[in-house]
Amino acid sequence: MTTYFFLNLFLFSICFIVSLSHALNNGFSVELIHRDSLKSPFYQPKQTKYQLVANVARQSISRVNHFYKDSITNTPESTLIPAGGSYLMTYSIGTPPFKLYGIADTGSDIIWLQCKPCKECFNQTTPIFDPSKSSSYQNISCLSVTCQFELDTSCPTLDSCQYSIQYGDRSYSKGDLVTDTLTLDSTIGHSISFPNTVIGCGTRNAGTFQAQSSGIVGLGGGSISLTKQLGTTIGGKFSYCLVPLFIKSNATSKLNFGDAAMVSGHGVVSTPLVEKRHQTFYYLTLEAFTVGNKRIEIVGDSSGGGEGNIIIDSGTTLTLLPSNDYTNLESAVKELVKLDRVEDPDDIFKLCYSVKSDKYDFPIITANFKGADVKLHPISTFIPIADGVVCFAFIPSQIGSIFGNLAQQNLLVGYDLVKSVVSFKPIDCTKLD
């Protein structure tokens, strides 16, 4: 039976690659929509940008607690906070295609969505997928390699593989691990379909999930994430360019795959991906920050610094650092910023200033990754929280470090999973074709 399974898998892979060869010859891109932007179908015009800042700040704080959950408990859990994802991507599941909005997240390994019949589901503002209406929907056998080698699966019957994801805040998603056709709307003008994609069809989902999305599109390092399932068809490459959140622009962020994800040309710097026990996350080595002429070495938390001391994440907004490193960085910033200090009324940010003009020249902060110095401009390091008040968009953490998506704005960030590197190129993401 095992030989038969792998033979079928091999033959399918050949057909799959041939059918996609033309579409993927030059790679492809899809739009990433910030869920609070003007282009989001869930845009709330009555929500001020300052309310948005408070929301994403709280989500960033919650998210780091779950990324480093193993430092608190040995209980197996997914480390994704459902409320923490910031960018939505549209995709379709099934035949005929059924359109969905999922949170694109480099901190998750699975593509899961709510499915009918919902025995226990969170309030979703868009229609819920009905598997009975898809001719390409297939259950995964309990005897399959996928079911046997994925964590947190169970088998009530031989024909049904069940997945279960338990989140640190006691939210959860449970349902059938299945295959179906996943379709992406490419920016080159036509859709691209990927048959037999492994997804989680959740029929029991509860907790703090956001109603704007149908679930999660995992871009992490695990075997059934979207990026890993696309595998050789995209050459192990994906990239994104995040449009700054607080500027007026009709431009959207882009998520690129294959040759379209190449990061090359003037100004590109690269740093190694560090393998750790948690294959989900993308670990980098942050050696220091440079503020003006002062270099602040990273010492890490109680477990020390060293290789792979920070996670780069698309779903966390702020950048979080161990308390000692944050304090040292904050001190260097305070030495150069000559403005009146004010308090954050929400008590989230530690360093805030009163500004009378948008033209104040805040210092450039350079993130000194191993082999890659990445300049972070003020638009990525200072955030408005009220009229005339801006705050330093880094906060201290008692657990671990995350390089958040605010710091990644106006950078083309490329992941090459074959070469095990992440590359950065400074670029105006509003003008990227």
Protein backbone atom coordinates (compact mmCIF):
# COMPACT_ATOMS: atom_id res chain seq x y z
CA MET A 1 0.00 0.00 0.00
CA THR A 2 2.88 2.37 0.81
CA THR A 3 4.47 1.72 -2.61
CA TYR A 4 1.13 2.35 -4.31
CA PHE A 5 0.71 5.60 -2.39
CA PHE A 6 4.13 6.96 -3.36
CA LEU A 7 3.70 5.88 -7.00
CA ASN A 8 0.45 7.79 -7.19
CA LEU A 9 2.07 10.76 -5.46
CA PHE A 10 4.97 10.67 -7.93
CA LEU A 11 2.69 10.49 -10.98
CA PHE A 12 0.53 13.29 -9.62
CA SER A 13 3.61 15.42 -8.99
CA ILE A 14 4.75 15.05 -12.61
CA CYS A 15 1.33 16.05 -13.95
CA PHE A 16 1.07 18.88 -11.45
CA ILE A 17 4.45 20.37 -12.36
CA VAL A 18 3.81 20.09 -16.10
CA SER A 19 0.41 21.74 -15.83
CA LEU A 20 1.86 24.61 -13.83
CA SER A 21 5.11 25.05 -15.74
CA HIS A 22 3.75 27.71 -18.07
CA ALA A 23 1.93 29.62 -15.33
CA LEU A 24 4.91 29.60 -12.98
CA ASN A 25 7.68 30.15 -15.53
CA ASN A 26 8.10 33.74 -14.38
CA GLY A 27 6.51 33.30 -10.97
CA PHE A 28 3.36 35.05 -9.84
CA SER A 29 2.09 37.47 -7.22
CA VAL A 30 -1.06 37.96 -5.18
CA GLU A 31 -2.33 40.97 -3.27
CA LEU A 32 -2.01 41.29 0.48
CA ILE A 33 -4.65 43.54 1.98
CA HIS A 34 -4.21 45.03 5.42
CA ARG A 35 -7.49 44.19 7.10
CA ASP A 36 -7.92 47.81 8.31
CA SER A 37 -6.97 49.50 5.03
CA LEU A 38 -9.33 51.33 2.63
CA LYS A 39 -9.17 48.37 0.22
CA SER A 40 -10.19 45.84 2.84
CA PRO A 41 -13.77 44.58 2.55
CA PHE A 42 -13.82 44.79 6.35
CA TYR A 43 -12.67 48.44 6.59
CA GLN A 44 -14.35 50.23 9.49
CA PRO A 45 -14.58 53.95 8.66
CA LYS A 46 -15.57 54.85 12.23
CA GLN A 47 -12.38 53.35 13.65
CA THR A 48 -9.63 55.96 13.96
CA LYS A 49 -6.04 55.16 13.07
CA TYR A 50 -5.19 55.63 16.74
CA GLN A 51 -7.68 52.95 17.78
CA LEU A 52 -6.03 50.72 15.19
CA VAL A 53 -2.61 51.33 16.75
CA ALA A 54 -3.85 50.37 20.22
CA ASN A 55 -5.43 47.19 18.83
CA VAL A 56 -2.37 45.99 16.94
CA ALA A 57 -0.10 46.84 19.87
CA ARG A 58 -2.11 44.63 22.20
CA GLN A 59 -2.13 41.86 19.60
CA SER A 60 1.66 42.05 19.27
CA ILE A 61 2.07 41.68 23.03
CA SER A 62 -0.25 38.67 23.12
CA ARG A 63 1.40 37.06 20.12
CA VAL A 64 4.93 36.91 21.56
CA ASN A 65 3.63 35.03 24.59
CA HIS A 66 2.51 32.23 22.30
CA PHE A 67 5.49 32.18 19.97
CA TYR A 68 7.62 31.33 22.99
CA LYS A 69 5.01 29.25 24.79
CA ASP A 70 7.42 26.33 25.20
CA SER A 71 9.52 28.44 27.55
CA ILE A 72 6.53 28.33 29.92
CA THR A 73 4.99 24.90 29.36
CA ASN A 74 5.74 21.69 27.52
CA THR A 75 2.11 21.19 26.43
CA PRO A 76 1.97 20.88 22.60
CA GLU A 77 0.23 23.94 21.18
CA SER A 78 0.14 25.98 18.03
CA THR A 79 1.85 29.28 18.68
CA LEU A 80 -0.38 31.42 16.48
CA ILE A 81 -2.64 34.04 18.03
CA PRO A 82 -5.75 34.16 15.83
CA ALA A 83 -6.28 37.89 16.43
CA GLY A 84 -2.69 38.79 15.64
CA GLY A 85 -2.53 38.50 11.86
CA SER A 86 -2.48 41.82 10.06
CA TYR A 87 -2.70 41.02 6.34
CA LEU A 88 -5.47 39.23 4.49
CA MET A 89 -5.08 37.37 1.22
CA THR A 90 -7.88 36.22 -1.03
CA TYR A 91 -7.90 32.64 -2.23
CA SER A 92 -10.44 30.08 -3.33
CA ILE A 93 -11.07 26.48 -2.33
CA GLY A 94 -12.95 23.81 -4.23
CA THR A 95 -14.41 23.09 -7.65
CA PRO A 96 -16.06 25.41 -8.53
CA PRO A 97 -13.82 27.89 -6.66
CA PHE A 98 -15.27 29.38 -3.47
CA LYS A 99 -13.67 32.72 -2.51
CA LEU A 100 -12.29 33.20 1.00
CA TYR A 101 -10.25 35.69 3.03
CA GLY A 102 -7.45 34.20 5.10
CA ILE A 103 -4.82 35.76 7.34
CA ALA A 104 -1.43 35.33 5.62
CA ASP A 105 0.91 34.29 8.39
CA THR A 106 4.56 33.23 8.41
CA GLY A 107 4.02 32.01 11.99
CA SER A 108 1.61 29.21 11.07
CA ASP A 109 1.97 25.87 9.30
CA ILE A 110 -1.51 25.02 8.11
CA ILE A 111 -4.14 26.38 5.77
CA TRP A 112 -7.39 26.05 7.67
CA LEU A 113 -10.85 27.48 7.17
CA GLN A 114 -14.30 27.17 8.66
CA CYS A 115 -16.48 24.57 6.96
CA LYS A 116 -20.13 23.55 6.95
CA PRO A 117 -21.72 21.93 8.80
CA CYS A 118 -20.38 24.10 11.61
CA LYS A 119 -20.94 22.29 14.86
CA GLU A 120 -19.22 25.10 16.74
CA CYS A 121 -17.95 28.09 14.77
CA PHE A 122 -16.96 31.69 15.44
CA ASN A 123 -18.96 34.47 13.82
CA GLN A 124 -17.68 34.80 10.24
CA THR A 125 -18.90 37.82 8.25
CA THR A 126 -18.43 36.14 4.87
CA PRO A 127 -20.06 32.90 3.61
CA ILE A 128 -18.70 29.64 5.01
CA PHE A 129 -17.30 26.97 2.70
CA ASP A 130 -19.54 23.95 2.04
CA PRO A 131 -17.43 20.86 1.18
CA SER A 132 -20.42 19.01 -0.27
CA LYS A 133 -20.50 21.48 -3.16
CA SER A 134 -16.89 20.86 -4.22
CA SER A 135 -16.24 18.02 -6.66
CA SER A 136 -12.50 18.05 -5.86
CA TYR A 137 -12.85 17.70 -2.08
CA GLN A 138 -11.29 14.49 -0.71
CA ASN A 139 -10.83 13.13 2.79
CA ILE A 140 -7.30 12.10 3.76
CA SER A 141 -6.93 8.49 4.82
CA CYS A 142 -5.77 7.72 8.33
CA LEU A 143 -3.09 5.49 6.75
CA SER A 144 -1.63 8.28 4.61
CA VAL A 145 1.85 9.65 5.24
CA THR A 146 0.38 13.14 5.75
CA CYS A 147 -1.90 12.00 8.53
CA GLN A 148 0.71 9.85 10.25
CA PHE A 149 3.50 12.40 10.26
CA GLU A 150 1.59 15.59 11.14
CA LEU A 151 1.30 16.54 14.79
CA ASP A 152 -2.04 16.65 16.57
CA THR A 153 -3.93 14.35 14.20
CA SER A 154 -6.30 11.56 15.13
CA CYS A 155 -8.32 8.91 13.30
CA PRO A 156 -11.91 8.22 14.30
CA THR A 157 -12.15 6.02 11.17
CA LEU A 158 -9.67 4.77 8.55
CA ASP A 159 -11.19 7.12 5.98
CA SER A 160 -10.96 10.23 8.12
CA CYS A 161 -7.92 12.11 9.42
CA GLN A 162 -8.76 14.74 12.01
CA TYR A 163 -6.59 17.74 12.93
CA SER A 164 -6.67 19.72 16.15
CA ILE A 165 -4.99 23.07 16.85
CA GLN A 166 -4.97 24.36 20.40
CA TYR A 167 -4.00 27.99 20.89
CA GLY A 168 -2.37 29.39 23.99
CA ASP A 169 -5.41 31.52 24.86
CA ARG A 170 -7.59 28.37 24.71
CA SER A 171 -8.94 29.19 21.29
CA TYR A 172 -8.95 26.18 19.00
CA SER A 173 -9.72 24.80 15.56
CA LYS A 174 -10.67 21.18 14.93
CA GLY A 175 -11.94 19.32 11.90
CA ASP A 176 -11.04 17.18 8.91
CA LEU A 177 -7.61 17.19 7.30
CA VAL A 178 -8.49 16.97 3.60
CA THR A 179 -7.31 17.82 0.11
CA ASP A 180 -8.99 20.16 -2.35
CA THR A 181 -8.07 22.53 -5.16
CA LEU A 182 -6.68 25.86 -3.98
CA THR A 183 -6.85 28.76 -6.44
CA LEU A 184 -4.98 32.06 -6.25
CA ASP A 185 -5.87 35.19 -8.21
CA SER A 186 -2.58 36.28 -9.74
CA THR A 187 -1.71 39.92 -10.39
CA ILE A 188 -0.70 38.89 -13.93
CA GLY A 189 -4.37 38.65 -14.79
CA HIS A 190 -5.42 35.03 -14.46
CA SER A 191 -6.01 32.49 -11.72
CA ILE A 192 -3.63 29.66 -10.88
CA SER A 193 -4.97 26.44 -9.38
CA PHE A 194 -3.14 23.94 -7.20
CA PRO A 195 -4.94 20.56 -7.05
CA ASN A 196 -4.77 18.25 -4.03
CA THR A 197 -3.68 20.93 -1.58
CA VAL A 198 -3.83 19.78 2.04
CA ILE A 199 -6.14 21.98 4.12
CA GLY A 200 -7.88 21.85 7.45
CA CYS A 201 -11.66 21.95 7.16
CA GLY A 202 -12.66 23.22 10.58
CA THR A 203 -16.08 22.39 12.01
CA ARG A 204 -15.27 23.25 15.62
CA ASN A 205 -13.59 26.63 15.95
CA ALA A 206 -13.94 28.87 18.98
CA GLY A 207 -12.17 31.62 20.86
CA THR A 208 -10.77 34.98 19.84
CA PHE A 209 -10.77 34.52 16.08
CA GLN A 210 -11.48 37.56 13.93
CA ALA A 211 -14.79 37.59 12.05
CA GLN A 212 -13.14 39.22 9.02
CA SER A 213 -11.33 36.06 8.04
CA SER A 214 -12.32 32.48 7.36
CA GLY A 215 -9.15 31.19 9.01
CA ILE A 216 -5.40 31.10 8.42
CA VAL A 217 -3.14 30.72 5.38
CA GLY A 218 0.06 29.36 6.90
CA LEU A 219 3.30 30.44 5.22
CA GLY A 220 5.57 28.90 7.87
CA GLY A 221 8.20 26.20 7.59
CA GLY A 222 6.07 23.13 8.32
CA SER A 223 5.33 20.47 5.72
CA ILE A 224 1.71 21.43 5.01
CA SER A 225 2.07 25.22 4.94
CA LEU A 226 1.20 26.86 1.62
CA THR A 227 4.84 27.64 0.82
CA LYS A 228 6.03 24.12 1.57
CA GLN A 229 3.20 22.52 -0.41
CA LEU A 230 3.99 24.65 -3.45
CA GLY A 231 7.58 23.47 -2.95
CA THR A 232 9.56 22.91 -6.13
CA THR A 233 6.92 24.61 -8.29
CA ILE A 234 8.03 27.93 -6.77
CA GLY A 235 11.66 26.91 -6.20
CA GLY A 236 11.23 27.37 -2.45
CA LYS A 237 10.98 31.15 -2.88
CA PHE A 238 8.45 33.69 -1.70
CA SER A 239 8.63 37.38 -0.87
CA TYR A 240 6.46 40.30 0.16
CA CYS A 241 6.57 44.08 0.08
CA LEU A 242 4.44 45.76 2.75
CA VAL A 243 2.99 49.18 1.95
CA PRO A 244 3.31 51.56 4.94
CA LEU A 245 0.19 51.46 7.04
CA PHE A 246 -0.28 55.15 7.80
CA ILE A 247 0.07 56.69 4.36
CA LYS A 248 -2.66 57.57 1.87
CA SER A 249 -2.20 55.28 -1.11
CA ASN A 250 -4.27 53.00 -3.30
CA ALA A 251 -1.32 50.62 -3.58
CA THR A 252 -1.59 47.16 -2.04
CA SER A 253 1.08 44.94 -0.58
CA LYS A 254 2.25 42.02 -2.72
CA LEU A 255 2.99 38.40 -1.89
CA ASN A 256 5.22 36.89 -4.57
CA PHE A 257 6.09 33.28 -5.42
CA GLY A 258 8.74 31.61 -7.57
CA ASP A 259 10.82 33.73 -9.94
CA ALA A 260 8.63 36.74 -9.10
CA ALA A 261 9.96 36.47 -5.55
CA MET A 262 13.60 37.01 -6.52
CA VAL A 263 15.24 39.79 -4.50
CA SER A 264 18.20 41.12 -6.44
CA GLY A 265 19.96 44.27 -7.55
CA HIS A 266 21.51 47.24 -5.78
CA GLY A 267 21.15 47.38 -2.02
CA VAL A 268 20.22 43.76 -1.37
CA VAL A 269 21.55 42.23 1.86
CA SER A 270 20.99 38.67 3.06
CA THR A 271 21.14 36.83 6.37
CA PRO A 272 20.98 33.09 7.11
CA LEU A 273 17.84 31.33 8.29
CA VAL A 274 18.62 29.39 11.46
CA GLU A 275 17.08 25.96 11.93
CA LYS A 276 15.61 25.22 15.32
CA ARG A 277 13.32 22.65 16.85
CA HIS A 278 10.26 24.68 15.90
CA GLN A 279 10.26 24.31 12.11
CA THR A 280 7.24 26.61 11.87
CA PHE A 281 9.11 29.83 12.54
CA TYR A 282 11.75 31.71 10.59
CA TYR A 283 14.64 32.47 12.93
CA LEU A 284 17.32 35.06 12.18
CA THR A 285 20.38 36.19 14.12
CA LEU A 286 20.24 39.82 15.27
CA GLU A 287 23.66 40.97 16.41
CA ALA A 288 23.01 44.62 17.22
CA PHE A 289 21.16 47.85 16.49
CA THR A 290 22.94 51.00 15.39
CA VAL A 291 21.47 54.40 16.30
CA GLY A 292 23.47 57.28 14.91
CA ASN A 293 27.09 56.32 15.57
CA LYS A 294 26.26 54.11 18.56
CA ARG A 295 26.11 50.32 18.23
CA ILE A 296 23.97 48.48 20.79
CA GLU A 297 24.95 44.82 21.03
CA ILE A 298 22.17 42.29 21.55
CA VAL A 299 22.66 40.29 24.74
CA GLY A 300 19.36 38.35 24.71
CA ASP A 301 17.19 37.20 27.59
CA SER A 302 18.06 34.88 30.47
CA SER A 303 18.73 32.07 28.00
CA GLY A 304 21.24 34.25 26.17
CA GLY A 305 21.49 35.62 22.64
CA GLY A 306 23.37 33.82 19.92
CA GLU A 307 22.23 32.19 16.71
CA GLY A 308 18.55 32.37 15.81
CA ASN A 309 17.68 34.85 18.57
CA ILE A 310 14.79 36.59 16.77
CA ILE A 311 11.74 35.47 14.76
CA ILE A 312 10.81 37.41 11.63
CA ASP A 313 7.02 37.47 11.41
CA SER A 314 4.42 38.90 9.04
CA GLY A 315 1.60 38.61 11.58
CA THR A 316 3.05 40.68 14.44
CA THR A 317 2.95 44.46 14.04
CA LEU A 318 5.47 45.74 16.58
CA THR A 319 9.05 44.65 17.18
CA LEU A 320 9.61 43.04 20.57
CA LEU A 321 12.94 42.66 22.34
CA PRO A 322 14.13 41.23 25.67
CA SER A 323 13.90 43.89 28.36
CA ASN A 324 17.65 44.55 28.66
CA ASP A 325 18.09 44.95 24.92
CA TYR A 326 15.03 47.18 24.69
CA THR A 327 16.31 49.40 27.52
CA ASN A 328 19.71 49.82 25.87
CA LEU A 329 18.13 50.65 22.51
CA GLU A 330 15.64 53.06 24.06
CA SER A 331 18.49 54.91 25.84
CA ALA A 332 20.33 55.40 22.55
CA VAL A 333 17.18 56.76 20.90
CA LYS A 334 16.52 59.17 23.79
CA GLU A 335 20.03 60.60 23.42
CA LEU A 336 19.29 61.69 19.85
CA VAL A 337 15.64 62.74 19.97
CA LYS A 338 15.29 66.25 21.39
CA LEU A 339 11.54 66.47 21.90
CA ASP A 340 9.29 66.71 24.93
CA ARG A 341 8.40 63.33 26.41
CA VAL A 342 4.76 62.40 26.97
CA GLU A 343 3.01 59.35 28.41
CA ASP A 344 1.05 56.81 26.40
CA PRO A 345 -2.49 56.94 27.84
CA ASP A 346 -2.93 53.22 27.03
CA ASP A 347 0.34 52.36 28.80
CA ILE A 348 1.55 50.19 25.92
CA PHE A 349 4.48 52.17 24.53
CA LYS A 350 7.35 53.14 26.81
CA LEU A 351 8.83 56.02 24.80
CA CYS A 352 6.53 58.69 23.37
CA TYR A 353 7.06 62.26 22.19
CA SER A 354 5.04 65.38 21.55
CA VAL A 355 5.46 66.50 17.94
CA LYS A 356 4.33 69.84 16.52
CA SER A 357 5.15 68.99 12.91
CA ASP A 358 5.34 65.97 10.64
CA LYS A 359 8.79 67.10 9.55
CA TYR A 360 10.75 66.16 12.66
CA ASP A 361 13.79 64.16 11.61
CA PHE A 362 13.83 61.04 13.78
CA PRO A 363 17.06 58.99 13.58
CA ILE A 364 17.49 56.04 11.25
CA ILE A 365 17.92 52.81 13.20
CA THR A 366 19.92 50.03 11.57
CA ALA A 367 19.12 46.42 12.42
CA ASN A 368 22.45 44.60 12.26
CA PHE A 369 21.54 41.04 11.33
CA LYS A 370 24.30 38.52 10.72
CA GLY A 371 25.75 39.58 7.35
CA ALA A 372 22.95 42.10 6.69
CA ASP A 373 22.60 45.68 7.89
CA VAL A 374 18.98 46.78 7.35
CA LYS A 375 18.17 50.48 7.65
CA LEU A 376 14.85 51.19 9.32
CA HIS A 377 13.44 54.63 8.53
CA PRO A 378 11.22 56.54 10.98
CA ILE A 379 8.03 55.43 9.19
CA SER A 380 8.90 51.90 10.39
CA THR A 381 10.15 52.72 13.89
CA PHE A 382 7.84 55.47 15.17
CA ILE A 383 4.05 55.24 15.22
CA PRO A 384 1.36 57.90 15.79
CA ILE A 385 -0.93 57.10 18.73
CA ALA A 386 -2.79 60.43 18.99
CA ASP A 387 -2.79 63.87 17.40
CA GLY A 388 0.67 65.31 18.00
CA VAL A 389 1.97 62.19 19.75
CA VAL A 390 4.29 59.55 18.30
CA CYS A 391 5.81 56.55 20.06
CA PHE A 392 8.78 54.29 19.53
CA ALA A 393 7.32 51.17 17.88
CA PHE A 394 9.49 48.73 19.82
CA ILE A 395 8.41 47.28 23.15
CA PRO A 396 10.06 45.07 25.78
CA SER A 397 9.27 41.38 26.12
CA GLN A 398 9.88 39.03 29.01
CA ILE A 399 10.01 35.96 26.77
CA GLY A 400 11.57 36.42 23.32
CA SER A 401 12.15 38.58 20.25
CA ILE A 402 10.05 39.22 17.15
CA PHE A 403 10.92 41.41 14.15
CA GLY A 404 7.43 42.69 13.31
CA ASN A 405 5.80 43.80 10.09
CA LEU A 406 5.93 47.54 10.88
CA ALA A 407 9.73 47.36 10.77
CA GLN A 408 9.47 45.49 7.46
CA GLN A 409 7.53 48.25 5.65
CA ASN A 410 9.07 49.53 2.42
CA LEU A 411 11.38 46.53 2.29
CA LEU A 412 11.20 43.76 -0.27
CA VAL A 413 11.64 40.76 2.03
CA GLY A 414 12.52 37.51 0.27
CA TYR A 415 12.67 33.99 1.68
CA ASP A 416 14.77 31.40 -0.14
CA LEU A 417 14.04 28.13 1.62
CA VAL A 418 16.48 26.20 -0.60
CA LYS A 419 19.46 28.42 0.19
CA SER A 420 18.14 29.09 3.73
CA VAL A 421 18.45 32.86 3.58
CA VAL A 422 16.24 35.90 4.02
CA SER A 423 17.05 38.92 1.85
CA PHE A 424 16.12 42.58 2.27
CA LYS A 425 16.00 45.32 -0.34
CA PRO A 426 14.96 48.90 0.46
CA ILE A 427 12.19 49.89 -1.94
CA ASP A 428 9.07 52.04 -2.13
CA CYS A 429 6.39 49.35 -1.92
CA THR A 430 3.73 51.77 -3.19
CA LYS A 431 5.52 51.90 -6.54
CA LEU A 432 6.36 48.23 -6.91
CA ASP A 433 4.76 46.74 -10.02
